[in-house]
N, C-alpha and C. Protein backbone atom coordinates (compact mmCIF):
# COMPACT_ATOMS: atom_id res chain seq x y z
N UNK A 1 28.72 17.58 2.74
CA UNK A 1 30.18 18.02 2.81
C UNK A 1 31.02 17.12 2.15
N UNK A 2 30.53 15.78 1.72
CA UNK A 2 31.51 14.79 1.16
C UNK A 2 32.32 15.19 0.06
N UNK A 3 31.58 15.79 -0.88
CA UNK A 3 32.18 16.30 -2.20
C UNK A 3 31.58 17.55 -2.36
N UNK A 4 32.32 18.64 -1.98
CA UNK A 4 31.62 19.93 -2.09
C UNK A 4 32.38 20.75 -3.15
N UNK A 5 31.53 20.91 -4.27
CA UNK A 5 32.21 21.47 -5.50
C UNK A 5 32.08 23.14 -5.41
N UNK A 6 33.09 23.76 -5.48
CA UNK A 6 33.26 25.09 -5.63
C UNK A 6 33.45 25.57 -6.97
N UNK A 7 32.73 26.39 -7.55
CA UNK A 7 32.79 26.80 -9.04
C UNK A 7 33.89 27.76 -9.24
N UNK A 8 34.34 27.83 -10.54
CA UNK A 8 35.27 28.77 -10.99
C UNK A 8 35.14 28.65 -12.42
N UNK A 9 34.55 29.90 -13.11
CA UNK A 9 34.22 29.87 -14.55
C UNK A 9 35.65 30.06 -15.29
N UNK A 10 36.75 29.94 -14.75
CA UNK A 10 38.15 30.05 -15.40
C UNK A 10 38.16 28.84 -16.43
N UNK A 11 37.53 27.84 -16.22
CA UNK A 11 37.72 26.60 -17.15
C UNK A 11 36.34 26.26 -17.84
N UNK A 12 35.40 27.11 -18.07
CA UNK A 12 34.24 26.76 -18.85
C UNK A 12 34.33 26.41 -20.15
N UNK A 13 35.30 27.02 -20.82
CA UNK A 13 35.71 26.85 -22.33
C UNK A 13 34.43 26.94 -23.21
N UNK A 14 33.99 25.82 -23.85
CA UNK A 14 32.72 25.88 -24.69
C UNK A 14 31.57 25.53 -23.86
N UNK A 15 31.61 25.03 -22.63
CA UNK A 15 30.66 24.76 -21.72
C UNK A 15 30.13 25.98 -21.03
N UNK A 16 29.04 25.99 -20.53
CA UNK A 16 28.43 27.03 -19.61
C UNK A 16 28.84 26.49 -18.14
N UNK A 17 28.80 27.47 -17.19
CA UNK A 17 29.03 27.01 -15.89
C UNK A 17 27.84 26.11 -15.48
N UNK A 18 26.68 26.34 -15.93
CA UNK A 18 25.37 25.61 -15.49
C UNK A 18 25.62 24.17 -16.04
N UNK A 19 26.09 23.97 -17.16
CA UNK A 19 26.42 22.62 -17.73
C UNK A 19 27.45 21.86 -16.82
N UNK A 20 28.46 22.66 -16.46
CA UNK A 20 29.52 22.02 -15.67
C UNK A 20 29.04 21.62 -14.35
N UNK A 21 28.16 22.50 -13.72
CA UNK A 21 27.70 22.13 -12.63
C UNK A 21 26.73 20.79 -12.52
N UNK A 22 26.00 20.78 -13.60
CA UNK A 22 25.15 19.63 -13.82
C UNK A 22 26.03 18.40 -13.95
N UNK A 23 27.12 18.40 -14.56
CA UNK A 23 27.91 17.22 -14.82
C UNK A 23 28.48 16.80 -13.38
N UNK A 24 28.89 17.76 -12.51
CA UNK A 24 29.38 17.55 -11.27
C UNK A 24 28.25 16.96 -10.44
N UNK A 25 27.07 17.24 -10.54
CA UNK A 25 25.99 16.82 -9.76
C UNK A 25 25.66 15.40 -10.14
N UNK A 26 25.77 15.15 -11.56
CA UNK A 26 25.60 13.75 -12.11
C UNK A 26 26.64 12.88 -11.48
N UNK A 27 27.88 13.33 -11.20
CA UNK A 27 28.92 12.52 -10.98
C UNK A 27 29.05 12.40 -9.31
N UNK A 28 28.02 12.98 -8.60
CA UNK A 28 27.93 12.83 -7.19
C UNK A 28 28.49 13.86 -6.28
N UNK A 29 28.55 15.11 -6.72
CA UNK A 29 28.89 16.15 -5.85
C UNK A 29 27.66 16.30 -4.82
N UNK A 30 27.94 16.58 -3.61
CA UNK A 30 26.98 16.50 -2.52
C UNK A 30 26.67 17.96 -2.06
N UNK A 31 27.41 18.89 -2.62
CA UNK A 31 26.98 20.32 -2.20
C UNK A 31 27.66 21.23 -3.24
N UNK A 32 27.16 22.33 -3.71
CA UNK A 32 27.65 23.16 -4.67
C UNK A 32 27.79 24.65 -4.09
N UNK A 33 28.96 25.26 -4.05
CA UNK A 33 29.08 26.74 -3.81
C UNK A 33 29.44 27.42 -5.13
N UNK A 34 28.60 28.49 -5.20
CA UNK A 34 28.75 29.27 -6.60
C UNK A 34 29.59 30.50 -6.08
N UNK A 35 30.68 30.56 -6.57
CA UNK A 35 31.70 31.54 -6.28
C UNK A 35 31.96 32.41 -7.57
N UNK A 36 31.54 33.68 -7.44
CA UNK A 36 31.78 34.74 -8.43
C UNK A 36 32.31 35.88 -7.85
N UNK A 37 33.52 36.52 -8.39
CA UNK A 37 34.05 37.61 -7.90
C UNK A 37 33.92 38.85 -8.90
N UNK A 38 33.65 38.58 -10.16
CA UNK A 38 33.65 39.51 -11.15
C UNK A 38 32.26 39.85 -11.86
N UNK A 39 31.33 39.07 -11.64
CA UNK A 39 29.85 39.08 -12.29
C UNK A 39 29.23 40.37 -11.82
N UNK A 40 28.50 41.12 -12.60
CA UNK A 40 27.54 42.16 -12.04
C UNK A 40 26.42 41.56 -11.16
N UNK A 41 25.83 42.40 -10.52
CA UNK A 41 24.80 41.91 -9.48
C UNK A 41 23.67 41.17 -10.32
N UNK A 42 23.04 41.69 -11.18
CA UNK A 42 21.98 41.13 -11.96
C UNK A 42 22.41 39.88 -12.55
N UNK A 43 23.54 39.88 -13.12
CA UNK A 43 23.89 38.51 -13.85
C UNK A 43 24.25 37.61 -12.79
N UNK A 44 24.79 37.76 -11.75
CA UNK A 44 25.15 36.94 -10.61
C UNK A 44 23.92 36.43 -9.99
N UNK A 45 22.89 37.25 -9.86
CA UNK A 45 21.47 36.91 -9.27
C UNK A 45 20.89 35.80 -10.14
N UNK A 46 20.82 36.14 -11.55
CA UNK A 46 20.17 35.14 -12.47
C UNK A 46 20.92 33.77 -12.52
N UNK A 47 22.17 33.82 -12.50
CA UNK A 47 22.90 32.61 -12.29
C UNK A 47 22.67 31.85 -11.13
N UNK A 48 22.63 32.45 -9.99
CA UNK A 48 22.33 31.95 -8.62
C UNK A 48 20.96 31.30 -8.62
N UNK A 49 20.09 31.93 -9.28
CA UNK A 49 18.72 31.33 -9.35
C UNK A 49 18.56 30.21 -10.11
N UNK A 50 19.36 30.22 -11.35
CA UNK A 50 19.21 28.95 -12.16
C UNK A 50 20.14 27.75 -11.58
N UNK A 51 21.17 28.06 -11.03
CA UNK A 51 22.00 26.98 -10.63
C UNK A 51 21.35 26.49 -9.26
N UNK A 52 20.95 27.28 -8.52
CA UNK A 52 20.13 26.86 -7.27
C UNK A 52 18.99 25.94 -7.63
N UNK A 53 18.22 26.15 -8.61
CA UNK A 53 17.16 25.42 -9.08
C UNK A 53 17.78 24.01 -9.54
N UNK A 54 18.71 24.14 -10.28
CA UNK A 54 19.43 23.03 -10.65
C UNK A 54 19.75 21.83 -9.57
N UNK A 55 20.42 22.61 -8.46
CA UNK A 55 20.84 21.85 -7.29
C UNK A 55 19.72 21.22 -6.56
N UNK A 56 18.69 21.99 -6.54
CA UNK A 56 17.50 21.50 -5.81
C UNK A 56 16.87 20.24 -6.58
N UNK A 57 16.89 20.28 -7.96
CA UNK A 57 16.36 19.11 -8.56
C UNK A 57 17.11 17.86 -8.38
N UNK A 58 18.39 18.05 -7.89
CA UNK A 58 19.30 17.04 -7.51
C UNK A 58 19.31 16.56 -5.94
N UNK A 59 18.51 17.46 -5.29
CA UNK A 59 18.48 17.37 -3.82
C UNK A 59 19.93 17.71 -3.09
N UNK A 60 20.55 18.59 -3.75
CA UNK A 60 21.86 18.90 -3.22
C UNK A 60 21.87 20.46 -2.73
N UNK A 61 22.42 20.66 -1.63
CA UNK A 61 22.42 21.99 -1.02
C UNK A 61 23.28 23.07 -1.96
N UNK A 62 22.83 24.10 -2.15
CA UNK A 62 23.23 25.22 -2.97
C UNK A 62 23.70 26.44 -2.06
N UNK A 63 25.09 26.75 -2.14
CA UNK A 63 25.70 27.78 -1.23
C UNK A 63 26.15 28.80 -2.08
N UNK A 64 26.02 30.17 -1.68
CA UNK A 64 26.51 31.25 -2.44
C UNK A 64 27.84 31.79 -1.68
N UNK A 65 28.82 32.09 -2.33
CA UNK A 65 30.03 32.47 -1.65
C UNK A 65 30.09 33.97 -1.46
N UNK A 66 30.26 34.39 -0.15
CA UNK A 66 30.48 35.82 0.07
C UNK A 66 29.15 36.81 0.18
N UNK A 67 28.28 36.61 -0.92
CA UNK A 67 27.50 37.53 -1.10
C UNK A 67 26.11 37.23 -0.44
N UNK A 68 25.81 37.76 0.76
CA UNK A 68 24.71 37.59 1.57
C UNK A 68 23.33 37.95 0.80
N UNK A 69 23.34 39.08 0.16
CA UNK A 69 22.15 39.47 -0.51
C UNK A 69 21.86 38.67 -1.71
N UNK A 70 22.72 38.16 -2.46
CA UNK A 70 22.47 37.19 -3.55
C UNK A 70 21.91 35.96 -3.02
N UNK A 71 22.49 35.40 -1.90
CA UNK A 71 22.06 34.28 -1.47
C UNK A 71 20.61 34.33 -0.73
N UNK A 72 20.18 35.33 -0.38
CA UNK A 72 18.88 35.57 0.14
C UNK A 72 17.82 35.76 -0.93
N UNK A 73 18.36 36.74 -2.05
CA UNK A 73 17.39 36.86 -3.09
C UNK A 73 17.13 35.71 -3.94
N UNK A 74 18.19 34.80 -4.00
CA UNK A 74 18.06 33.56 -4.87
C UNK A 74 17.55 32.29 -4.16
N UNK A 75 17.03 32.58 -2.84
CA UNK A 75 16.65 31.46 -2.09
C UNK A 75 17.73 30.38 -1.95
N UNK A 76 18.90 30.71 -1.82
CA UNK A 76 19.95 29.69 -1.68
C UNK A 76 19.69 28.86 -0.53
N UNK A 77 20.40 27.81 -0.19
CA UNK A 77 20.27 27.01 1.13
C UNK A 77 21.30 27.55 1.97
N UNK A 78 22.25 28.35 1.59
CA UNK A 78 23.26 28.73 2.48
C UNK A 78 24.18 29.77 1.82
N UNK A 79 25.08 30.29 2.78
CA UNK A 79 26.14 31.25 2.34
C UNK A 79 27.39 30.98 2.95
N UNK A 80 28.46 31.25 2.26
CA UNK A 80 29.85 30.98 2.83
C UNK A 80 30.68 32.35 2.92
N UNK A 81 31.20 32.66 4.13
CA UNK A 81 32.10 33.77 4.30
C UNK A 81 33.34 33.43 4.79
N UNK A 82 34.29 34.32 4.53
CA UNK A 82 35.66 34.21 4.94
C UNK A 82 35.82 34.95 6.22
N UNK A 83 37.21 35.02 6.71
CA UNK A 83 37.43 35.74 8.02
C UNK A 83 37.43 37.27 7.81
N UNK A 84 37.59 37.80 6.50
CA UNK A 84 37.52 39.14 6.23
C UNK A 84 36.33 39.68 5.60
N UNK A 85 35.23 38.96 5.60
CA UNK A 85 34.00 39.27 4.96
C UNK A 85 33.14 39.82 6.26
N UNK A 86 31.79 39.89 5.83
CA UNK A 86 30.87 40.59 6.87
C UNK A 86 30.87 39.73 8.15
N UNK A 87 30.79 40.25 9.37
CA UNK A 87 30.85 39.61 10.59
C UNK A 87 29.82 38.43 10.56
N UNK A 88 30.01 37.27 11.08
CA UNK A 88 29.16 36.11 11.16
C UNK A 88 28.03 36.58 11.80
N UNK A 89 28.00 37.26 13.06
CA UNK A 89 26.83 37.63 13.86
C UNK A 89 26.00 38.42 13.07
N UNK A 90 26.51 39.33 12.22
CA UNK A 90 25.52 40.16 11.41
C UNK A 90 24.82 39.29 10.31
N UNK A 91 25.83 38.42 9.68
CA UNK A 91 25.26 37.45 8.58
C UNK A 91 24.11 36.62 9.05
N UNK A 92 24.32 35.97 10.39
CA UNK A 92 23.29 35.21 10.95
C UNK A 92 21.95 35.90 11.30
N UNK A 93 22.11 37.15 11.68
CA UNK A 93 20.93 38.00 11.95
C UNK A 93 20.02 38.24 10.66
N UNK A 94 20.83 38.47 9.64
CA UNK A 94 20.16 38.82 8.32
C UNK A 94 19.46 37.64 7.85
N UNK A 95 20.22 36.28 7.84
CA UNK A 95 19.57 35.19 7.11
C UNK A 95 18.66 34.29 7.94
N UNK A 96 18.77 34.64 9.34
CA UNK A 96 17.96 33.79 10.22
C UNK A 96 18.44 32.43 10.42
N UNK A 97 17.67 31.55 11.07
CA UNK A 97 18.28 30.30 11.56
C UNK A 97 18.10 29.23 10.55
N UNK A 98 17.25 29.58 9.46
CA UNK A 98 16.92 28.49 8.38
C UNK A 98 18.01 28.31 7.39
N UNK A 99 18.95 29.39 7.22
CA UNK A 99 19.89 29.27 6.16
C UNK A 99 21.26 28.67 6.69
N UNK A 100 21.98 27.83 5.97
CA UNK A 100 23.23 27.32 6.26
C UNK A 100 24.16 28.47 5.99
N UNK A 101 25.11 28.57 7.10
CA UNK A 101 26.18 29.52 7.04
C UNK A 101 27.45 28.85 7.40
N UNK A 102 28.35 28.90 6.44
CA UNK A 102 29.60 28.17 6.53
C UNK A 102 30.81 29.30 6.68
N UNK A 103 31.78 28.94 7.41
CA UNK A 103 32.81 30.06 7.67
C UNK A 103 34.23 29.45 7.53
N UNK A 104 35.23 30.05 6.69
CA UNK A 104 36.38 29.69 6.57
C UNK A 104 37.22 29.92 7.83
N UNK A 105 38.23 28.96 8.07
CA UNK A 105 38.96 29.15 9.28
C UNK A 105 40.37 28.50 9.10
N UNK A 106 41.43 29.11 9.62
CA UNK A 106 42.87 28.69 9.39
C UNK A 106 43.41 28.16 10.70
N UNK A 107 42.59 28.46 11.81
CA UNK A 107 43.14 28.08 13.20
C UNK A 107 41.88 27.39 14.00
N UNK A 108 42.23 26.69 14.89
CA UNK A 108 41.17 26.13 15.86
C UNK A 108 40.42 27.06 16.41
N UNK A 109 41.19 28.33 16.91
CA UNK A 109 40.68 29.43 17.64
C UNK A 109 39.49 29.96 16.73
N UNK A 110 39.78 30.28 15.35
CA UNK A 110 38.78 30.93 14.40
C UNK A 110 37.55 29.90 14.42
N UNK A 111 37.90 28.73 14.27
CA UNK A 111 36.78 27.63 14.19
C UNK A 111 35.87 27.67 15.33
N UNK A 112 36.55 27.61 16.69
CA UNK A 112 35.69 27.57 17.70
C UNK A 112 34.84 28.90 17.91
N UNK A 113 35.32 30.01 17.65
CA UNK A 113 34.70 31.34 17.62
C UNK A 113 33.41 31.28 16.58
N UNK A 114 33.81 30.71 15.37
CA UNK A 114 32.69 30.63 14.45
C UNK A 114 31.48 29.68 14.92
N UNK A 115 31.79 28.53 15.57
CA UNK A 115 30.69 27.62 16.12
C UNK A 115 30.00 28.54 17.08
N UNK A 116 30.67 29.21 17.83
CA UNK A 116 29.99 29.97 19.05
C UNK A 116 29.04 30.93 18.41
N UNK A 117 29.40 31.51 17.34
CA UNK A 117 28.56 32.56 16.68
C UNK A 117 27.47 32.08 15.70
N UNK A 118 27.41 30.78 15.53
CA UNK A 118 26.30 30.26 14.92
C UNK A 118 26.61 29.50 13.56
N UNK A 119 27.90 29.41 13.20
CA UNK A 119 28.25 28.75 11.98
C UNK A 119 27.76 27.29 12.05
N UNK A 120 27.41 26.82 10.78
CA UNK A 120 26.96 25.33 10.65
C UNK A 120 28.07 24.45 10.14
N UNK A 121 28.98 24.98 9.43
CA UNK A 121 30.16 24.19 9.11
C UNK A 121 31.37 25.06 9.01
N UNK A 122 32.57 24.39 8.98
CA UNK A 122 33.84 25.07 8.73
C UNK A 122 34.42 24.68 7.45
N UNK A 123 35.03 25.79 6.75
CA UNK A 123 35.92 25.41 5.58
C UNK A 123 37.29 25.61 6.05
N UNK A 124 38.09 24.55 6.29
CA UNK A 124 39.39 24.60 6.84
C UNK A 124 40.48 24.54 5.67
N UNK A 125 41.44 25.60 5.61
CA UNK A 125 42.42 25.36 4.68
C UNK A 125 43.06 26.72 4.51
N UNK A 126 44.07 26.70 3.51
CA UNK A 126 44.36 25.80 2.43
C UNK A 126 45.08 24.63 3.05
N UNK A 127 44.63 23.37 2.84
CA UNK A 127 45.30 22.24 3.20
C UNK A 127 46.43 21.87 2.30
N UNK A 128 46.43 22.34 1.14
CA UNK A 128 47.61 22.11 0.16
C UNK A 128 47.85 23.60 -0.47
N UNK A 129 49.04 23.64 -1.09
CA UNK A 129 49.20 24.92 -1.85
C UNK A 129 48.28 24.87 -3.00
N UNK A 130 47.58 25.96 -3.29
CA UNK A 130 46.55 26.06 -4.31
C UNK A 130 46.80 27.09 -5.22
N UNK A 131 46.67 26.88 -6.52
CA UNK A 131 46.74 28.01 -7.68
C UNK A 131 45.47 28.83 -7.66
N UNK A 132 44.28 28.31 -7.13
CA UNK A 132 43.08 29.19 -7.12
C UNK A 132 43.13 30.28 -6.27
N UNK A 133 43.80 30.10 -5.00
CA UNK A 133 43.96 31.24 -4.16
C UNK A 133 45.44 31.35 -3.82
N UNK A 134 46.29 31.86 -4.63
CA UNK A 134 47.71 31.88 -4.45
C UNK A 134 48.16 32.55 -3.16
N UNK A 135 47.43 33.44 -2.61
CA UNK A 135 47.74 34.21 -1.45
C UNK A 135 47.22 33.49 -0.23
N UNK A 136 46.70 32.25 -0.30
CA UNK A 136 46.16 31.43 0.85
C UNK A 136 47.20 30.54 1.35
N UNK A 137 47.74 30.90 2.67
CA UNK A 137 48.75 29.99 3.21
C UNK A 137 48.28 28.72 3.59
N UNK A 138 49.07 27.54 3.23
CA UNK A 138 48.79 26.28 3.64
C UNK A 138 48.87 26.10 5.12
N UNK A 139 47.79 25.32 5.73
CA UNK A 139 47.82 24.90 7.08
C UNK A 139 48.30 23.64 7.30
N UNK A 140 49.03 23.34 8.35
CA UNK A 140 49.50 21.95 8.55
C UNK A 140 48.47 20.88 8.88
N UNK A 141 48.82 19.67 8.81
CA UNK A 141 47.92 18.58 9.07
C UNK A 141 47.49 18.58 10.44
N UNK A 142 48.52 19.03 11.34
CA UNK A 142 48.23 19.10 12.82
C UNK A 142 47.13 20.17 13.04
N UNK A 143 47.16 21.35 12.31
CA UNK A 143 46.18 22.42 12.47
C UNK A 143 44.80 21.87 11.99
N UNK A 144 44.86 21.21 10.89
CA UNK A 144 43.52 20.66 10.41
C UNK A 144 42.95 19.89 11.47
N UNK A 145 43.86 18.81 12.05
CA UNK A 145 43.25 17.80 13.05
C UNK A 145 42.69 18.65 14.22
N UNK A 146 43.54 19.67 14.65
CA UNK A 146 43.07 20.53 15.74
C UNK A 146 41.64 21.20 15.44
N UNK A 147 41.63 21.72 14.22
CA UNK A 147 40.26 22.39 13.86
C UNK A 147 39.05 21.42 13.93
N UNK A 148 39.27 20.20 13.33
CA UNK A 148 38.35 19.26 13.25
C UNK A 148 37.88 18.80 14.83
N UNK A 149 38.89 18.60 15.59
CA UNK A 149 38.57 18.20 17.02
C UNK A 149 38.30 19.28 18.02
N UNK A 150 38.23 20.62 17.54
CA UNK A 150 37.83 21.55 18.49
C UNK A 150 36.43 22.00 18.35
N UNK A 151 35.80 21.45 17.39
CA UNK A 151 34.27 21.84 17.11
C UNK A 151 33.42 20.65 16.86
N UNK A 152 32.07 20.72 17.06
CA UNK A 152 31.14 19.71 16.88
C UNK A 152 30.48 19.79 15.61
N UNK A 153 30.67 20.86 14.73
CA UNK A 153 30.09 21.13 13.55
C UNK A 153 30.96 20.46 12.50
N UNK A 154 30.36 20.05 11.19
CA UNK A 154 31.33 19.40 10.08
C UNK A 154 32.51 20.56 9.65
N UNK A 155 33.47 19.78 9.41
CA UNK A 155 34.58 20.66 8.80
C UNK A 155 35.04 19.95 7.47
N UNK A 156 35.05 20.90 6.47
CA UNK A 156 35.38 20.41 5.14
C UNK A 156 36.67 21.03 4.87
N UNK A 157 37.63 20.21 4.31
CA UNK A 157 38.99 20.67 3.81
C UNK A 157 38.86 21.29 2.57
N UNK A 158 39.66 22.21 2.32
CA UNK A 158 39.76 23.00 1.16
C UNK A 158 41.21 23.42 0.78
N UNK A 159 41.52 23.52 -0.68
CA UNK A 159 42.73 24.16 -0.86
C UNK A 159 43.77 23.00 -1.63
N UNK A 160 43.75 23.14 -2.85
CA UNK A 160 44.83 22.22 -3.61
C UNK A 160 44.42 20.82 -3.63
N UNK A 161 43.31 20.54 -3.35
CA UNK A 161 42.82 19.05 -3.18
C UNK A 161 42.57 18.39 -4.48
N UNK A 162 43.16 17.24 -4.80
CA UNK A 162 42.97 16.41 -6.07
C UNK A 162 42.87 14.95 -5.75
N UNK A 163 42.94 14.21 -6.66
CA UNK A 163 42.69 12.84 -6.54
C UNK A 163 44.13 12.06 -6.08
N UNK A 164 45.17 12.87 -6.30
CA UNK A 164 46.54 12.32 -5.83
C UNK A 164 46.81 12.54 -4.40
N UNK A 165 46.33 13.66 -3.76
CA UNK A 165 46.66 13.93 -2.40
C UNK A 165 45.52 13.82 -1.34
N UNK A 166 44.39 13.46 -1.84
CA UNK A 166 43.15 13.42 -0.92
C UNK A 166 43.26 12.49 0.22
N UNK A 167 44.10 11.41 0.02
CA UNK A 167 44.24 10.47 1.13
C UNK A 167 45.16 10.83 2.16
N UNK A 168 45.93 11.89 1.94
CA UNK A 168 46.68 12.52 3.00
C UNK A 168 46.01 13.04 4.04
N UNK A 169 44.60 13.33 3.89
CA UNK A 169 43.77 13.92 4.78
C UNK A 169 43.06 12.96 5.70
N UNK A 170 43.33 11.69 5.35
CA UNK A 170 42.57 10.58 6.16
C UNK A 170 43.06 10.73 7.67
N UNK A 171 42.14 10.56 8.56
CA UNK A 171 42.37 10.42 9.88
C UNK A 171 42.47 11.71 10.60
N UNK A 172 42.21 12.91 9.82
CA UNK A 172 42.31 14.28 10.22
C UNK A 172 40.84 14.55 10.99
N UNK A 173 39.81 13.71 10.72
CA UNK A 173 38.58 14.06 11.14
C UNK A 173 37.63 14.92 10.33
N UNK A 174 37.95 15.09 9.14
CA UNK A 174 37.12 15.91 8.11
C UNK A 174 35.79 15.19 7.82
N UNK A 175 34.73 16.06 7.44
CA UNK A 175 33.48 15.49 7.02
C UNK A 175 33.52 15.44 5.51
N UNK A 176 34.42 15.94 4.66
CA UNK A 176 34.54 16.02 3.46
C UNK A 176 35.59 16.96 2.85
N UNK A 177 35.60 17.15 1.49
CA UNK A 177 36.51 18.00 0.80
C UNK A 177 35.75 18.86 -0.11
N UNK A 178 36.28 20.14 -0.17
CA UNK A 178 35.87 21.25 -1.20
C UNK A 178 36.84 21.18 -2.20
N UNK A 179 36.37 21.18 -3.61
CA UNK A 179 37.35 21.03 -4.64
C UNK A 179 36.87 21.98 -5.60
N UNK A 180 37.94 22.67 -6.14
CA UNK A 180 37.73 23.60 -7.33
C UNK A 180 38.22 23.07 -8.49
N UNK A 181 39.42 23.27 -8.78
CA UNK A 181 40.04 23.02 -10.10
C UNK A 181 40.06 21.50 -10.60
N UNK A 182 40.26 20.79 -9.49
CA UNK A 182 40.33 19.14 -9.73
C UNK A 182 38.85 18.80 -10.36
N UNK A 183 37.77 19.60 -10.20
CA UNK A 183 36.62 19.24 -10.69
C UNK A 183 36.36 19.96 -12.04
N UNK A 184 36.31 21.39 -11.91
CA UNK A 184 35.96 22.14 -13.13
C UNK A 184 36.96 22.40 -14.07
N UNK A 185 38.35 22.06 -13.89
CA UNK A 185 39.25 22.07 -14.93
C UNK A 185 39.42 20.74 -15.63
N UNK A 186 38.61 19.74 -15.13
CA UNK A 186 38.63 18.42 -15.76
C UNK A 186 37.81 18.32 -16.98
N UNK A 187 38.34 17.66 -18.10
CA UNK A 187 37.58 17.43 -19.18
C UNK A 187 36.30 16.49 -19.11
N UNK A 188 36.35 15.73 -18.10
CA UNK A 188 35.26 14.84 -17.80
C UNK A 188 34.83 15.01 -16.30
N UNK A 189 34.03 16.06 -16.09
CA UNK A 189 33.71 16.32 -14.68
C UNK A 189 32.82 15.27 -14.15
N UNK A 190 31.96 14.67 -14.84
CA UNK A 190 31.20 13.72 -14.18
C UNK A 190 32.10 12.54 -13.73
N UNK A 191 32.90 12.08 -14.57
CA UNK A 191 33.82 10.87 -14.17
C UNK A 191 34.75 11.36 -13.12
N UNK A 192 35.29 12.52 -13.25
CA UNK A 192 36.18 13.04 -12.03
C UNK A 192 35.51 13.08 -10.79
N UNK A 193 34.32 13.58 -10.73
CA UNK A 193 33.47 13.60 -9.40
C UNK A 193 33.28 12.13 -8.89
N UNK A 194 33.05 11.20 -9.69
CA UNK A 194 32.73 9.95 -9.19
C UNK A 194 34.12 9.39 -8.48
N UNK A 195 35.25 9.64 -8.99
CA UNK A 195 36.57 9.34 -8.38
C UNK A 195 36.88 10.08 -7.21
N UNK A 196 36.54 11.28 -7.16
CA UNK A 196 36.76 12.12 -5.98
C UNK A 196 35.90 11.94 -4.87
N UNK A 197 34.66 11.46 -5.14
CA UNK A 197 33.68 11.27 -4.11
C UNK A 197 34.12 9.93 -3.37
N UNK A 198 34.40 8.90 -4.24
CA UNK A 198 34.95 7.66 -3.67
C UNK A 198 36.20 7.88 -2.92
N UNK A 199 37.09 8.68 -3.26
CA UNK A 199 38.33 9.10 -2.56
C UNK A 199 38.00 9.79 -1.25
N UNK A 200 37.08 10.66 -1.35
CA UNK A 200 36.53 11.53 -0.15
C UNK A 200 36.02 10.59 0.95
N UNK A 201 35.23 9.55 0.46
CA UNK A 201 34.61 8.56 1.43
C UNK A 201 35.70 7.89 2.18
N UNK A 202 36.81 7.35 1.47
CA UNK A 202 37.70 6.84 2.00
C UNK A 202 38.58 7.61 2.99
N UNK A 203 38.82 8.90 2.63
CA UNK A 203 39.54 9.72 3.62
C UNK A 203 38.69 10.14 4.82
N UNK A 204 37.30 10.33 4.61
CA UNK A 204 36.53 10.51 5.90
C UNK A 204 36.52 9.40 6.84
N UNK A 205 36.30 8.44 6.25
CA UNK A 205 36.30 7.13 7.13
C UNK A 205 37.65 6.41 7.53
N UNK A 206 38.64 7.00 6.88
CA UNK A 206 40.03 6.42 7.20
C UNK A 206 40.77 6.83 8.49
């Protein structure tokens, strides 16, 4: 969870998403989530298989966002779901106990419920206003603290996180940060990930 890279093909430019993910892995990303909202099923599956294999070669967990079927067919390490996606109990029944299941939460109550129903980690946020999800309301630092201290599973902060604001999360109890644009919009993803990972370590231990 320390540096959880969440993909967004909006910034691929001349590079492929695969190349960008490999740069992130070289820079020290500790987890990768493949998030695709618009790809067709077959293309999404091919991409999941390829990027999943890449992550395994680096010994890093590979998570698929939202799509349980793609996660299972691609032999992903896990799947991440939101509050309005398929019910966690149903997802856990489908994937079994061996797959990581992460759940988004905006309140301590949602986090507690997710842990009770079998979640392995919580994605808490948005902790800052974010352009990636303009409709996501930012949660307060107090809410983030309460989420972290209401569950025994890891909590990763997400939403608008970059090198300039990451230290504001120190002392909240997070296990790491999930980052989208601060990684994938960077012209030098590898170097950026090295900086973000060091900053995340400080925030987690601070």
